[in-house]
N, C-alpha and C. Protein backbone atom coordinates (compact mmCIF):
# COMPACT_ATOMS: atom_id res chain seq x y z
N MET A 1 54.01 -76.89 -19.76
CA MET A 1 55.52 -76.93 -19.30
C MET A 1 55.60 -77.10 -17.75
N PRO A 2 56.14 -78.34 -17.07
CA PRO A 2 56.06 -78.44 -15.58
C PRO A 2 56.55 -77.16 -14.96
N THR A 3 55.77 -77.11 -13.74
CA THR A 3 56.19 -75.83 -13.05
C THR A 3 57.58 -75.70 -12.68
N SER A 4 58.20 -76.80 -12.40
CA SER A 4 59.63 -76.85 -11.98
C SER A 4 60.61 -76.05 -13.05
N VAL A 5 60.17 -76.48 -14.50
CA VAL A 5 60.85 -76.23 -15.47
C VAL A 5 60.76 -74.36 -15.59
N LYS A 6 59.36 -74.00 -15.42
CA LYS A 6 58.96 -72.67 -15.36
C LYS A 6 60.02 -72.10 -14.25
N ALA A 7 60.12 -72.52 -13.03
CA ALA A 7 60.68 -72.02 -12.26
C ALA A 7 62.15 -71.85 -12.31
N ASP A 8 62.69 -72.93 -12.96
CA ASP A 8 64.13 -72.80 -13.24
C ASP A 8 64.37 -71.86 -14.20
N GLN A 9 63.57 -71.49 -15.40
CA GLN A 9 63.65 -70.56 -16.28
C GLN A 9 63.35 -68.97 -15.58
N ALA A 10 62.63 -69.08 -14.82
CA ALA A 10 62.50 -67.58 -14.12
C ALA A 10 63.78 -67.26 -13.30
N THR A 11 64.27 -68.29 -12.66
CA THR A 11 65.58 -68.19 -11.85
C THR A 11 66.68 -67.83 -12.87
N TRP A 12 66.75 -68.70 -14.18
CA TRP A 12 67.84 -68.24 -14.98
C TRP A 12 67.77 -66.85 -15.35
N HIS A 13 66.48 -66.29 -15.82
CA HIS A 13 66.17 -64.88 -16.46
C HIS A 13 66.70 -64.00 -15.55
N GLU A 14 66.57 -64.37 -14.16
CA GLU A 14 67.15 -63.27 -13.11
C GLU A 14 68.54 -63.10 -13.11
N LYS A 15 69.20 -64.37 -13.54
CA LYS A 15 70.81 -64.03 -13.60
C LYS A 15 71.33 -63.56 -14.74
N ASN A 16 70.62 -63.08 -15.68
CA ASN A 16 71.28 -62.54 -16.88
C ASN A 16 72.08 -61.35 -16.33
N PRO A 17 73.16 -61.13 -16.98
CA PRO A 17 74.44 -60.06 -16.45
C PRO A 17 73.78 -58.70 -16.39
N LEU A 18 73.03 -58.20 -17.55
CA LEU A 18 72.46 -57.06 -17.85
C LEU A 18 71.30 -56.88 -16.73
N ARG A 19 70.43 -57.89 -16.61
CA ARG A 19 69.43 -57.42 -15.67
C ARG A 19 69.88 -57.30 -14.27
N LYS A 20 70.89 -58.34 -13.80
CA LYS A 20 71.46 -58.11 -12.55
C LYS A 20 71.99 -56.74 -12.34
N TRP A 21 72.76 -56.31 -13.40
CA TRP A 21 73.39 -54.98 -13.14
C TRP A 21 72.54 -53.98 -13.10
N ARG A 22 71.28 -53.98 -13.77
CA ARG A 22 70.31 -53.20 -14.12
C ARG A 22 69.56 -52.98 -12.67
N HIS A 23 69.29 -54.00 -12.02
CA HIS A 23 68.62 -54.23 -10.74
C HIS A 23 69.51 -53.64 -9.70
N LYS A 24 70.71 -53.87 -9.74
CA LYS A 24 71.70 -53.47 -8.73
C LYS A 24 71.94 -51.86 -8.68
N GLN A 25 71.77 -51.40 -9.95
CA GLN A 25 71.87 -49.90 -10.17
C GLN A 25 70.50 -49.00 -10.02
N GLY A 26 69.21 -50.07 -9.96
CA GLY A 26 68.24 -49.36 -9.75
C GLY A 26 67.66 -48.73 -11.10
N MET A 27 67.99 -49.19 -12.17
CA MET A 27 67.70 -48.97 -13.30
C MET A 27 66.57 -49.55 -14.05
N SER A 28 65.51 -48.86 -14.77
CA SER A 28 64.39 -49.44 -15.26
C SER A 28 65.06 -49.71 -16.87
N ILE A 29 64.31 -50.56 -17.41
CA ILE A 29 64.38 -51.14 -18.76
C ILE A 29 64.50 -49.77 -19.50
N MET A 30 63.70 -48.89 -19.55
CA MET A 30 63.72 -47.72 -20.37
C MET A 30 64.76 -46.98 -20.17
N ALA A 31 65.51 -46.57 -18.97
CA ALA A 31 66.73 -46.02 -18.87
C ALA A 31 67.82 -46.60 -19.41
N THR A 32 67.76 -48.04 -19.42
CA THR A 32 68.91 -48.86 -19.78
C THR A 32 68.95 -48.80 -21.26
N ALA A 33 67.72 -49.09 -21.63
CA ALA A 33 67.56 -48.89 -23.23
C ALA A 33 68.12 -47.62 -23.77
N SER A 34 67.59 -46.62 -23.08
CA SER A 34 68.17 -45.03 -23.61
C SER A 34 69.67 -45.26 -23.55
N GLN A 35 70.22 -45.39 -22.35
CA GLN A 35 71.83 -45.46 -22.34
C GLN A 35 72.47 -46.38 -23.49
N LEU A 36 71.80 -47.27 -23.92
CA LEU A 36 72.57 -48.24 -24.96
C LEU A 36 72.08 -47.84 -26.18
N ARG A 37 71.04 -46.88 -26.50
CA ARG A 37 70.58 -46.53 -27.61
C ARG A 37 69.86 -47.59 -28.49
N VAL A 38 69.00 -48.30 -27.46
CA VAL A 38 68.32 -49.25 -28.44
C VAL A 38 66.98 -49.39 -27.88
N SER A 39 66.01 -50.07 -28.32
CA SER A 39 64.61 -50.16 -27.93
C SER A 39 64.46 -51.00 -26.50
N MET A 40 63.30 -50.41 -25.74
CA MET A 40 63.03 -51.41 -24.72
C MET A 40 62.80 -52.82 -24.84
N THR A 41 62.31 -52.95 -26.18
CA THR A 41 61.90 -54.50 -26.34
C THR A 41 63.19 -55.18 -26.38
N ILE A 42 64.32 -54.50 -27.15
CA ILE A 42 65.33 -55.43 -27.38
C ILE A 42 66.15 -55.50 -26.12
N VAL A 43 66.17 -54.85 -25.22
CA VAL A 43 66.54 -55.01 -23.91
C VAL A 43 65.90 -56.28 -23.23
N GLN A 44 64.68 -56.06 -23.18
CA GLN A 44 63.82 -57.36 -22.79
C GLN A 44 64.03 -58.59 -23.34
N LEU A 45 64.24 -58.69 -24.75
CA LEU A 45 64.50 -59.80 -25.63
C LEU A 45 66.08 -60.19 -25.06
N TRP A 46 66.86 -59.40 -24.77
CA TRP A 46 68.28 -59.87 -24.24
C TRP A 46 68.11 -60.61 -22.95
N GLU A 47 67.43 -59.78 -21.94
CA GLU A 47 67.30 -60.24 -20.55
C GLU A 47 66.65 -61.57 -20.52
N ASN A 48 65.78 -61.78 -21.61
CA ASN A 48 65.04 -63.13 -21.44
C ASN A 48 65.58 -64.28 -22.19
N GLY A 49 66.65 -63.75 -22.99
CA GLY A 49 67.50 -64.90 -23.47
C GLY A 49 66.97 -65.28 -25.03
N VAL A 50 65.97 -64.50 -25.49
CA VAL A 50 65.50 -64.81 -26.89
C VAL A 50 66.59 -64.27 -27.80
N HIS A 51 67.20 -63.19 -27.70
CA HIS A 51 68.17 -62.66 -28.67
C HIS A 51 69.54 -62.62 -27.86
N VAL A 52 70.65 -62.59 -28.66
CA VAL A 52 71.95 -62.25 -28.00
C VAL A 52 72.39 -60.97 -28.77
N PRO A 53 72.82 -60.20 -27.97
CA PRO A 53 73.35 -58.78 -28.51
C PRO A 53 74.44 -59.16 -29.69
N SER A 54 74.32 -58.41 -30.39
CA SER A 54 75.34 -58.23 -31.56
C SER A 54 76.69 -57.85 -30.95
N PRO A 55 77.64 -58.12 -31.82
CA PRO A 55 79.00 -57.50 -31.14
C PRO A 55 79.16 -56.06 -30.70
N GLU A 56 78.39 -55.29 -31.73
CA GLU A 56 78.44 -53.94 -31.55
C GLU A 56 77.48 -53.69 -30.18
N ASN A 57 76.50 -54.23 -30.05
CA ASN A 57 75.60 -54.07 -28.75
C ASN A 57 76.35 -54.37 -27.64
N MET A 58 77.02 -55.74 -27.77
CA MET A 58 77.77 -56.10 -26.51
C MET A 58 78.84 -55.09 -26.24
N ALA A 59 79.45 -54.51 -27.01
CA ALA A 59 80.34 -53.47 -26.87
C ALA A 59 79.76 -52.41 -25.91
N LYS A 60 78.62 -51.92 -26.47
CA LYS A 60 77.84 -50.77 -25.69
C LYS A 60 77.65 -51.30 -24.42
N ILE A 61 77.17 -52.45 -24.11
CA ILE A 61 76.84 -53.13 -22.88
C ILE A 61 78.06 -53.09 -21.98
N ALA A 62 79.21 -53.70 -22.61
CA ALA A 62 80.38 -53.66 -21.86
C ALA A 62 81.06 -52.35 -21.27
N ALA A 63 80.84 -51.24 -22.13
CA ALA A 63 80.98 -49.99 -21.74
C ALA A 63 80.08 -49.59 -20.64
N LEU A 64 79.03 -50.00 -20.44
CA LEU A 64 78.01 -49.61 -19.39
C LEU A 64 78.25 -50.31 -18.00
N VAL A 65 78.09 -51.70 -18.35
CA VAL A 65 78.22 -52.69 -17.25
C VAL A 65 79.59 -53.12 -16.80
N GLY A 66 80.58 -53.11 -17.64
CA GLY A 66 81.88 -53.52 -17.29
C GLY A 66 82.49 -54.63 -18.34
N PRO A 67 83.78 -54.86 -18.41
CA PRO A 67 84.34 -55.60 -19.51
C PRO A 67 84.03 -57.10 -19.45
N THR A 68 83.79 -57.61 -18.23
CA THR A 68 83.52 -59.12 -17.91
C THR A 68 82.19 -59.38 -18.52
N VAL A 69 81.22 -58.49 -18.82
CA VAL A 69 79.94 -58.81 -19.12
C VAL A 69 79.84 -59.81 -20.47
N GLU A 70 80.74 -59.98 -21.29
CA GLU A 70 80.51 -60.72 -22.24
C GLU A 70 80.72 -62.32 -21.98
N ARG A 71 81.83 -62.49 -20.96
CA ARG A 71 82.20 -63.75 -20.63
C ARG A 71 81.07 -64.28 -19.68
N ASN A 72 80.36 -63.31 -18.77
CA ASN A 72 79.52 -63.75 -17.91
C ASN A 72 78.10 -64.01 -18.71
N TRP A 73 77.94 -63.20 -19.95
CA TRP A 73 76.86 -63.50 -20.76
C TRP A 73 76.92 -64.90 -21.40
N LYS A 74 78.10 -65.32 -21.74
CA LYS A 74 78.20 -66.77 -22.51
C LYS A 74 78.03 -67.90 -21.58
N SER A 75 78.45 -67.54 -20.11
CA SER A 75 78.05 -68.59 -19.18
C SER A 75 76.83 -68.51 -18.92
N TRP A 76 76.14 -67.44 -18.93
CA TRP A 76 74.50 -67.54 -18.46
C TRP A 76 73.88 -68.37 -19.60
N ILE A 77 74.19 -67.97 -20.85
CA ILE A 77 73.69 -68.71 -21.97
C ILE A 77 73.77 -70.12 -21.96
N LYS A 78 74.99 -70.77 -21.62
CA LYS A 78 75.25 -71.96 -21.44
C LYS A 78 74.35 -72.77 -20.28
N ALA A 79 74.13 -71.83 -19.33
CA ALA A 79 73.25 -72.44 -18.17
C ALA A 79 71.79 -72.63 -18.31
N ARG A 80 71.56 -72.21 -19.63
CA ARG A 80 69.97 -72.18 -19.75
C ARG A 80 69.17 -73.49 -19.45
N PRO A 81 68.20 -73.46 -18.67
CA PRO A 81 67.65 -74.79 -18.31
C PRO A 81 66.90 -75.54 -19.47
């Protein structure tokens, strides 16, 4: 994979709405997973764009992060390099 594509993907991962919120709050993946009652692995998969949260989990994320997170998540997914 070309270096520029890797850099684009790394930048894209940093823009994940949950990850941005988590970093702003100074929360670890472990603390976030605990708050959402999911595993750390699933939070990592969400933040890396490997999996999309189920509607039930998106509701949990919205309750934690804010109501615009689902819209922001959809925009983030569409911007995937």
